[in-house]
Amino acid sequence: AIRQFRLQRDLAARFVRDGMPELSAEVRGGAL
């Protein structure tokens, strides 16, 4: 769970930098 959350957090940050809305970025990062 710790590693999954860390990966999700960094993926979401990347998606936000790429212009994705924050909620969408969190969900997509969580799924990946």
PDB file of all heavy atoms in Angstrom:
ATOM      1  N   ALA A   1       0.825  -1.209   0.000  1.00  0.00           N
ATOM      2  CA  ALA A   1       0.000   0.000   0.000  1.00  0.00           C
ATOM      3  C   ALA A   1       0.860   1.261   0.000  1.00  0.00           C
ATOM      4  O   ALA A   1       0.556   2.235  -0.704  1.00  0.00           O
ATOM      5  CB  ALA A   1      -0.935  -0.011   1.207  1.00  0.00           C
ATOM      6  N   ILE A   2       1.941   1.242   0.754  1.00  0.00           N
ATOM      7  CA  ILE A   2       2.844   2.394   0.794  1.00  0.00           C
ATOM      8  C   ILE A   2       3.435   2.645  -0.577  1.00  0.00           C
ATOM      9  O   ILE A   2       3.468   3.774  -1.075  1.00  0.00           O
ATOM     10  CB  ILE A   2       3.953   2.171   1.847  1.00  0.00           C
ATOM     11  CG1 ILE A   2       3.353   2.251   3.254  1.00  0.00           C
ATOM     12  CG2 ILE A   2       5.094   3.170   1.671  1.00  0.00           C
ATOM     13  CD1 ILE A   2       4.281   1.749   4.350  1.00  0.00           C
ATOM     14  N   ARG A   3       3.900   1.599  -1.211  1.00  0.00           N
ATOM     15  CA  ARG A   3       4.516   1.754  -2.521  1.00  0.00           C
ATOM     16  C   ARG A   3       3.485   2.132  -3.585  1.00  0.00           C
ATOM     17  O   ARG A   3       3.764   2.918  -4.482  1.00  0.00           O
ATOM     18  CB  ARG A   3       5.275   0.490  -2.891  1.00  0.00           C
ATOM     19  CG  ARG A   3       6.607   0.447  -2.157  1.00  0.00           C
ATOM     20  CD  ARG A   3       7.134  -0.924  -1.916  1.00  0.00           C
ATOM     21  NE  ARG A   3       8.438  -0.833  -1.248  1.00  0.00           N
ATOM     22  CZ  ARG A   3       8.579  -0.777   0.075  1.00  0.00           C
ATOM     23  NH1 ARG A   3       7.528  -0.794   0.870  1.00  0.00           N
ATOM     24  NH2 ARG A   3       9.781  -0.697   0.614  1.00  0.00           N
ATOM     25  N   GLN A   4       2.305   1.569  -3.483  1.00  0.00           N
ATOM     26  CA  GLN A   4       1.255   1.912  -4.442  1.00  0.00           C
ATOM     27  C   GLN A   4       0.890   3.386  -4.309  1.00  0.00           C
ATOM     28  O   GLN A   4       0.742   4.086  -5.315  1.00  0.00           O
ATOM     29  CB  GLN A   4       0.034   1.021  -4.222  1.00  0.00           C
ATOM     30  CG  GLN A   4      -1.034   1.206  -5.266  1.00  0.00           C
ATOM     31  CD  GLN A   4      -2.113   0.145  -5.164  1.00  0.00           C
ATOM     32  OE1 GLN A   4      -1.826  -1.011  -4.856  1.00  0.00           O
ATOM     33  NE2 GLN A   4      -3.335   0.538  -5.410  1.00  0.00           N
ATOM     34  N   PHE A   5       0.773   3.867  -3.081  1.00  0.00           N
ATOM     35  CA  PHE A   5       0.424   5.274  -2.896  1.00  0.00           C
ATOM     36  C   PHE A   5       1.535   6.190  -3.411  1.00  0.00           C
ATOM     37  O   PHE A   5       1.268   7.201  -4.054  1.00  0.00           O
ATOM     38  CB  PHE A   5       0.129   5.588  -1.429  1.00  0.00           C
ATOM     39  CG  PHE A   5      -0.147   7.042  -1.216  1.00  0.00           C
ATOM     40  CD1 PHE A   5      -1.347   7.598  -1.626  1.00  0.00           C
ATOM     41  CD2 PHE A   5       0.816   7.868  -0.669  1.00  0.00           C
ATOM     42  CE1 PHE A   5      -1.597   8.951  -1.481  1.00  0.00           C
ATOM     43  CE2 PHE A   5       0.580   9.217  -0.504  1.00  0.00           C
ATOM     44  CZ  PHE A   5      -0.622   9.771  -0.910  1.00  0.00           C
ATOM     45  N   ARG A   6       2.773   5.824  -3.138  1.00  0.00           N
ATOM     46  CA  ARG A   6       3.897   6.642  -3.618  1.00  0.00           C
ATOM     47  C   ARG A   6       3.884   6.741  -5.136  1.00  0.00           C
ATOM     48  O   ARG A   6       4.045   7.826  -5.711  1.00  0.00           O
ATOM     49  CB  ARG A   6       5.206   6.035  -3.145  1.00  0.00           C
ATOM     50  CG  ARG A   6       6.407   6.788  -3.629  1.00  0.00           C
ATOM     51  CD  ARG A   6       7.687   6.217  -3.030  1.00  0.00           C
ATOM     52  NE  ARG A   6       8.805   6.843  -3.677  1.00  0.00           N
ATOM     53  CZ  ARG A   6       9.708   6.207  -4.405  1.00  0.00           C
ATOM     54  NH1 ARG A   6       9.646   4.911  -4.550  1.00  0.00           N
ATOM     55  NH2 ARG A   6      10.690   6.860  -4.974  1.00  0.00           N
ATOM     56  N   LEU A   7       3.666   5.627  -5.791  1.00  0.00           N
ATOM     57  CA  LEU A   7       3.611   5.616  -7.243  1.00  0.00           C
ATOM     58  C   LEU A   7       2.407   6.422  -7.736  1.00  0.00           C
ATOM     59  O   LEU A   7       2.513   7.213  -8.681  1.00  0.00           O
ATOM     60  CB  LEU A   7       3.558   4.170  -7.740  1.00  0.00           C
ATOM     61  CG  LEU A   7       3.692   3.903  -9.221  1.00  0.00           C
ATOM     62  CD1 LEU A   7       4.936   4.549  -9.808  1.00  0.00           C
ATOM     63  CD2 LEU A   7       3.709   2.395  -9.472  1.00  0.00           C
ATOM     64  N   GLN A   8       1.259   6.249  -7.084  1.00  0.00           N
ATOM     65  CA  GLN A   8       0.061   7.007  -7.449  1.00  0.00           C
ATOM     66  C   GLN A   8       0.310   8.507  -7.331  1.00  0.00           C
ATOM     67  O   GLN A   8      -0.049   9.280  -8.225  1.00  0.00           O
ATOM     68  CB  GLN A   8      -1.116   6.623  -6.555  1.00  0.00           C
ATOM     69  CG  GLN A   8      -2.353   7.464  -6.807  1.00  0.00           C
ATOM     70  CD  GLN A   8      -3.483   7.144  -5.855  1.00  0.00           C
ATOM     71  OE1 GLN A   8      -3.423   6.182  -5.092  1.00  0.00           O
ATOM     72  NE2 GLN A   8      -4.520   7.947  -5.876  1.00  0.00           N
ATOM     73  N   ARG A   9       0.917   8.923  -6.239  1.00  0.00           N
ATOM     74  CA  ARG A   9       1.172  10.347  -6.005  1.00  0.00           C
ATOM     75  C   ARG A   9       2.045  10.935  -7.116  1.00  0.00           C
ATOM     76  O   ARG A   9       1.740  11.991  -7.663  1.00  0.00           O
ATOM     77  CB  ARG A   9       1.841  10.511  -4.637  1.00  0.00           C
ATOM     78  CG  ARG A   9       2.104  11.942  -4.240  1.00  0.00           C
ATOM     79  CD  ARG A   9       2.946  12.032  -2.990  1.00  0.00           C
ATOM     80  NE  ARG A   9       4.227  11.388  -3.264  1.00  0.00           N
ATOM     81  CZ  ARG A   9       4.899  10.640  -2.393  1.00  0.00           C
ATOM     82  NH1 ARG A   9       4.412  10.426  -1.195  1.00  0.00           N
ATOM     83  NH2 ARG A   9       6.054  10.104  -2.729  1.00  0.00           N
ATOM     84  N   ASP A  10       3.106  10.231  -7.479  1.00  0.00           N
ATOM     85  CA  ASP A  10       4.005  10.745  -8.515  1.00  0.00           C
ATOM     86  C   ASP A  10       3.359  10.706  -9.898  1.00  0.00           C
ATOM     87  O   ASP A  10       3.571  11.613 -10.705  1.00  0.00           O
ATOM     88  CB  ASP A  10       5.315   9.971  -8.498  1.00  0.00           C
ATOM     89  CG  ASP A  10       6.241  10.418  -7.381  1.00  0.00           C
ATOM     90  OD1 ASP A  10       5.755  10.816  -6.306  1.00  0.00           O
ATOM     91  OD2 ASP A  10       7.455  10.369  -7.581  1.00  0.00           O
ATOM     92  N   LEU A  11       2.587   9.662 -10.164  1.00  0.00           N
ATOM     93  CA  LEU A  11       1.872   9.609 -11.443  1.00  0.00           C
ATOM     94  C   LEU A  11       0.852  10.735 -11.535  1.00  0.00           C
ATOM     95  O   LEU A  11       0.738  11.402 -12.577  1.00  0.00           O
ATOM     96  CB  LEU A  11       1.189   8.254 -11.619  1.00  0.00           C
ATOM     97  CG  LEU A  11       2.105   7.087 -11.960  1.00  0.00           C
ATOM     98  CD1 LEU A  11       1.371   5.763 -11.766  1.00  0.00           C
ATOM     99  CD2 LEU A  11       2.631   7.215 -13.388  1.00  0.00           C
ATOM    100  N   ALA A  12       0.104  10.963 -10.467  1.00  0.00           N
ATOM    101  CA  ALA A  12      -0.895  12.036 -10.468  1.00  0.00           C
ATOM    102  C   ALA A  12      -0.232  13.391 -10.688  1.00  0.00           C
ATOM    103  O   ALA A  12      -0.738  14.221 -11.458  1.00  0.00           O
ATOM    104  CB  ALA A  12      -1.686  12.027  -9.160  1.00  0.00           C
ATOM    105  N   ALA A  13       0.897  13.613 -10.037  1.00  0.00           N
ATOM    106  CA  ALA A  13       1.616  14.879 -10.225  1.00  0.00           C
ATOM    107  C   ALA A  13       2.024  15.048 -11.692  1.00  0.00           C
ATOM    108  O   ALA A  13       1.926  16.142 -12.252  1.00  0.00           O
ATOM    109  CB  ALA A  13       2.836  14.930  -9.312  1.00  0.00           C
ATOM    110  N   ARG A  14       2.458  13.968 -12.308  1.00  0.00           N
ATOM    111  CA  ARG A  14       2.833  14.029 -13.724  1.00  0.00           C
ATOM    112  C   ARG A  14       1.618  14.362 -14.582  1.00  0.00           C
ATOM    113  O   ARG A  14       1.681  15.194 -15.494  1.00  0.00           O
ATOM    114  CB  ARG A  14       3.451  12.697 -14.145  1.00  0.00           C
ATOM    115  CG  ARG A  14       3.565  12.451 -15.633  1.00  0.00           C
ATOM    116  CD  ARG A  14       4.525  13.438 -16.347  1.00  0.00           C
ATOM    117  NE  ARG A  14       4.457  13.233 -17.770  1.00  0.00           N
ATOM    118  CZ  ARG A  14       5.139  12.318 -18.443  1.00  0.00           C
ATOM    119  NH1 ARG A  14       5.981  11.527 -17.820  1.00  0.00           N
ATOM    120  NH2 ARG A  14       4.993  12.212 -19.743  1.00  0.00           N
ATOM    121  N   PHE A  15       0.494  13.698 -14.310  1.00  0.00           N
ATOM    122  CA  PHE A  15      -0.714  13.968 -15.085  1.00  0.00           C
ATOM    123  C   PHE A  15      -1.165  15.422 -14.937  1.00  0.00           C
ATOM    124  O   PHE A  15      -1.588  16.049 -15.911  1.00  0.00           O
ATOM    125  CB  PHE A  15      -1.845  13.018 -14.685  1.00  0.00           C
ATOM    126  CG  PHE A  15      -1.646  11.596 -15.152  1.00  0.00           C
ATOM    127  CD1 PHE A  15      -1.800  10.538 -14.261  1.00  0.00           C
ATOM    128  CD2 PHE A  15      -1.320  11.301 -16.458  1.00  0.00           C
ATOM    129  CE1 PHE A  15      -1.637   9.227 -14.679  1.00  0.00           C
ATOM    130  CE2 PHE A  15      -1.148   9.998 -16.890  1.00  0.00           C
ATOM    131  CZ  PHE A  15      -1.300   8.958 -15.995  1.00  0.00           C
ATOM    132  N   VAL A  16      -1.069  15.958 -13.734  1.00  0.00           N
ATOM    133  CA  VAL A  16      -1.440  17.361 -13.510  1.00  0.00           C
ATOM    134  C   VAL A  16      -0.502  18.275 -14.293  1.00  0.00           C
ATOM    135  O   VAL A  16      -0.950  19.230 -14.937  1.00  0.00           O
ATOM    136  CB  VAL A  16      -1.443  17.695 -11.994  1.00  0.00           C
ATOM    137  CG1 VAL A  16      -1.511  19.202 -11.761  1.00  0.00           C
ATOM    138  CG2 VAL A  16      -2.597  16.984 -11.297  1.00  0.00           C
ATOM    139  N   ARG A  17       0.799  17.994 -14.259  1.00  0.00           N
ATOM    140  CA  ARG A  17       1.764  18.789 -15.043  1.00  0.00           C
ATOM    141  C   ARG A  17       1.430  18.742 -16.528  1.00  0.00           C
ATOM    142  O   ARG A  17       1.648  19.704 -17.254  1.00  0.00           O
ATOM    143  CB  ARG A  17       3.191  18.281 -14.828  1.00  0.00           C
ATOM    144  CG  ARG A  17       3.857  18.783 -13.588  1.00  0.00           C
ATOM    145  CD  ARG A  17       5.357  18.527 -13.567  1.00  0.00           C
ATOM    146  NE  ARG A  17       5.751  17.171 -13.906  1.00  0.00           N
ATOM    147  CZ  ARG A  17       5.811  16.150 -13.053  1.00  0.00           C
ATOM    148  NH1 ARG A  17       5.473  16.322 -11.793  1.00  0.00           N
ATOM    149  NH2 ARG A  17       6.202  14.956 -13.456  1.00  0.00           N
ATOM    150  N   ASP A  18       0.881  17.599 -16.959  1.00  0.00           N
ATOM    151  CA  ASP A  18       0.515  17.451 -18.368  1.00  0.00           C
ATOM    152  C   ASP A  18      -0.837  18.089 -18.687  1.00  0.00           C
ATOM    153  O   ASP A  18      -1.303  18.002 -19.820  1.00  0.00           O
ATOM    154  CB  ASP A  18       0.488  15.972 -18.759  1.00  0.00           C
ATOM    155  CG  ASP A  18       1.872  15.351 -18.817  1.00  0.00           C
ATOM    156  OD1 ASP A  18       2.883  16.088 -18.748  1.00  0.00           O
ATOM    157  OD2 ASP A  18       1.949  14.110 -18.923  1.00  0.00           O
ATOM    158  N   GLY A  19      -1.492  18.692 -17.684  1.00  0.00           N
ATOM    159  CA  GLY A  19      -2.733  19.411 -17.918  1.00  0.00           C
ATOM    160  C   GLY A  19      -4.009  18.675 -17.544  1.00  0.00           C
ATOM    161  O   GLY A  19      -5.100  19.183 -17.801  1.00  0.00           O
ATOM    162  N   MET A  20      -3.918  17.520 -16.954  1.00  0.00           N
ATOM    163  CA  MET A  20      -5.102  16.762 -16.561  1.00  0.00           C
ATOM    164  C   MET A  20      -5.689  17.375 -15.286  1.00  0.00           C
ATOM    165  O   MET A  20      -4.940  17.777 -14.398  1.00  0.00           O
ATOM    166  CB  MET A  20      -4.720  15.297 -16.312  1.00  0.00           C
ATOM    167  CG  MET A  20      -5.905  14.370 -16.086  1.00  0.00           C
ATOM    168  SD  MET A  20      -5.387  12.641 -15.807  1.00  0.00           S
ATOM    169  CE  MET A  20      -4.963  12.137 -17.473  1.00  0.00           C
ATOM    170  N   PRO A  21      -7.017  17.453 -15.180  1.00  0.00           N
ATOM    171  CA  PRO A  21      -7.627  17.929 -13.942  1.00  0.00           C
ATOM    172  C   PRO A  21      -7.209  17.047 -12.756  1.00  0.00           C
ATOM    173  O   PRO A  21      -6.976  15.848 -12.906  1.00  0.00           O
ATOM    174  CB  PRO A  21      -9.132  17.808 -14.201  1.00  0.00           C
ATOM    175  CG  PRO A  21      -9.257  17.798 -15.683  1.00  0.00           C
ATOM    176  CD  PRO A  21      -8.015  17.145 -16.205  1.00  0.00           C
ATOM    177  N   GLU A  22      -7.115  17.654 -11.575  1.00  0.00           N
ATOM    178  CA  GLU A  22      -6.555  16.975 -10.408  1.00  0.00           C
ATOM    179  C   GLU A  22      -7.283  15.679 -10.048  1.00  0.00           C
ATOM    180  O   GLU A  22      -6.636  14.658  -9.787  1.00  0.00           O
ATOM    181  CB  GLU A  22      -6.554  17.927  -9.202  1.00  0.00           C
ATOM    182  CG  GLU A  22      -5.622  17.456  -8.123  1.00  0.00           C
ATOM    183  CD  GLU A  22      -5.371  18.528  -7.093  1.00  0.00           C
ATOM    184  OE1 GLU A  22      -5.138  19.690  -7.458  1.00  0.00           O
ATOM    185  OE2 GLU A  22      -5.399  18.168  -5.904  1.00  0.00           O
ATOM    186  N   LEU A  23      -8.608  15.683 -10.041  1.00  0.00           N
ATOM    187  CA  LEU A  23      -9.340  14.463  -9.693  1.00  0.00           C
ATOM    188  C   LEU A  23      -9.069  13.366 -10.715  1.00  0.00           C
ATOM    189  O   LEU A  23      -8.790  12.211 -10.353  1.00  0.00           O
ATOM    190  CB  LEU A  23     -10.845  14.732  -9.591  1.00  0.00           C
ATOM    191  CG  LEU A  23     -11.711  13.516  -9.281  1.00  0.00           C
ATOM    192  CD1 LEU A  23     -11.310  12.882  -7.946  1.00  0.00           C
ATOM    193  CD2 LEU A  23     -13.188  13.902  -9.289  1.00  0.00           C
ATOM    194  N   SER A  24      -9.110  13.710 -11.965  1.00  0.00           N
ATOM    195  CA  SER A  24      -8.815  12.732 -13.018  1.00  0.00           C
ATOM    196  C   SER A  24      -7.400  12.195 -12.878  1.00  0.00           C
ATOM    197  O   SER A  24      -7.151  10.997 -13.049  1.00  0.00           O
ATOM    198  CB  SER A  24      -8.977  13.362 -14.399  1.00  0.00           C
ATOM    199  OG  SER A  24     -10.306  13.786 -14.595  1.00  0.00           O
ATOM    200  N   ALA A  25      -6.462  13.077 -12.542  1.00  0.00           N
ATOM    201  CA  ALA A  25      -5.066  12.672 -12.371  1.00  0.00           C
ATOM    202  C   ALA A  25      -4.918  11.691 -11.212  1.00  0.00           C
ATOM    203  O   ALA A  25      -4.194  10.691 -11.319  1.00  0.00           O
ATOM    204  CB  ALA A  25      -4.195  13.903 -12.146  1.00  0.00           C
ATOM    205  N   GLU A  26      -5.602  11.955 -10.116  1.00  0.00           N
ATOM    206  CA  GLU A  26      -5.540  11.053  -8.954  1.00  0.00           C
ATOM    207  C   GLU A  26      -6.128   9.680  -9.292  1.00  0.00           C
ATOM    208  O   GLU A  26      -5.554   8.650  -8.941  1.00  0.00           O
ATOM    209  CB  GLU A  26      -6.298  11.647  -7.762  1.00  0.00           C
ATOM    210  CG  GLU A  26      -5.590  12.785  -7.085  1.00  0.00           C
ATOM    211  CD  GLU A  26      -4.351  12.347  -6.310  1.00  0.00           C
ATOM    212  OE1 GLU A  26      -4.297  11.199  -5.819  1.00  0.00           O
ATOM    213  OE2 GLU A  26      -3.434  13.174  -6.200  1.00  0.00           O
ATOM    214  N   VAL A  27      -7.261   9.677  -9.966  1.00  0.00           N
ATOM    215  CA  VAL A  27      -7.909   8.411 -10.317  1.00  0.00           C
ATOM    216  C   VAL A  27      -7.041   7.629 -11.311  1.00  0.00           C
ATOM    217  O   VAL A  27      -6.819   6.425 -11.141  1.00  0.00           O
ATOM    218  CB  VAL A  27      -9.333   8.652 -10.876  1.00  0.00           C
ATOM    219  CG1 VAL A  27      -9.921   7.376 -11.445  1.00  0.00           C
ATOM    220  CG2 VAL A  27     -10.229   9.225  -9.781  1.00  0.00           C
ATOM    221  N   ARG A  28      -6.556   8.300 -12.326  1.00  0.00           N
ATOM    222  CA  ARG A  28      -5.709   7.619 -13.325  1.00  0.00           C
ATOM    223  C   ARG A  28      -4.416   7.115 -12.692  1.00  0.00           C
ATOM    224  O   ARG A  28      -3.983   5.991 -12.947  1.00  0.00           O
ATOM    225  CB  ARG A  28      -5.408   8.586 -14.478  1.00  0.00           C
ATOM    226  CG  ARG A  28      -4.590   7.975 -15.583  1.00  0.00           C
ATOM    227  CD  ARG A  28      -5.429   7.045 -16.440  1.00  0.00           C
ATOM    228  NE  ARG A  28      -4.603   6.554 -17.526  1.00  0.00           N
ATOM    229  CZ  ARG A  28      -4.492   5.267 -17.848  1.00  0.00           C
ATOM    230  NH1 ARG A  28      -5.195   4.362 -17.209  1.00  0.00           N
ATOM    231  NH2 ARG A  28      -3.722   4.895 -18.824  1.00  0.00           N
ATOM    232  N   GLY A  29      -3.807   7.934 -11.852  1.00  0.00           N
ATOM    233  CA  GLY A  29      -2.593   7.521 -11.151  1.00  0.00           C
ATOM    234  C   GLY A  29      -2.853   6.331 -10.245  1.00  0.00           C
ATOM    235  O   GLY A  29      -2.038   5.405 -10.161  1.00  0.00           O
ATOM    236  N   GLY A  30      -4.016   6.341  -9.570  1.00  0.00           N
ATOM    237  CA  GLY A  30      -4.377   5.213  -8.711  1.00  0.00           C
ATOM    238  C   GLY A  30      -4.585   3.940  -9.496  1.00  0.00           C
ATOM    239  O   GLY A  30      -4.146   2.858  -9.082  1.00  0.00           O
ATOM    240  N   ALA A  31      -5.232   4.044 -10.631  1.00  0.00           N
ATOM    241  CA  ALA A  31      -5.479   2.856 -11.461  1.00  0.00           C
ATOM    242  C   ALA A  31      -4.163   2.274 -11.977  1.00  0.00           C
ATOM    243  O   ALA A  31      -3.952   1.055 -11.924  1.00  0.00           O
ATOM    244  CB  ALA A  31      -6.398   3.215 -12.629  1.00  0.00           C
ATOM    245  N   LEU A  32      -3.274   3.133 -12.438  1.00  0.00           N
ATOM    246  CA  LEU A  32      -1.997   2.637 -12.972  1.00  0.00           C
ATOM    247  C   LEU A  32      -1.107   2.057 -11.872  1.00  0.00           C
ATOM    248  O   LEU A  32      -0.477   1.017 -12.065  1.00  0.00           O
ATOM    249  CB  LEU A  32      -1.266   3.747 -13.720  1.00  0.00           C
ATOM    250  CG  LEU A  32      -1.906   4.194 -15.025  1.00  0.00           C
ATOM    251  CD1 LEU A  32      -1.143   5.372 -15.631  1.00  0.00           C
ATOM    252  CD2 LEU A  32      -2.003   3.046 -16.022  1.00  0.00           C
TER     253      LEU A  32
END
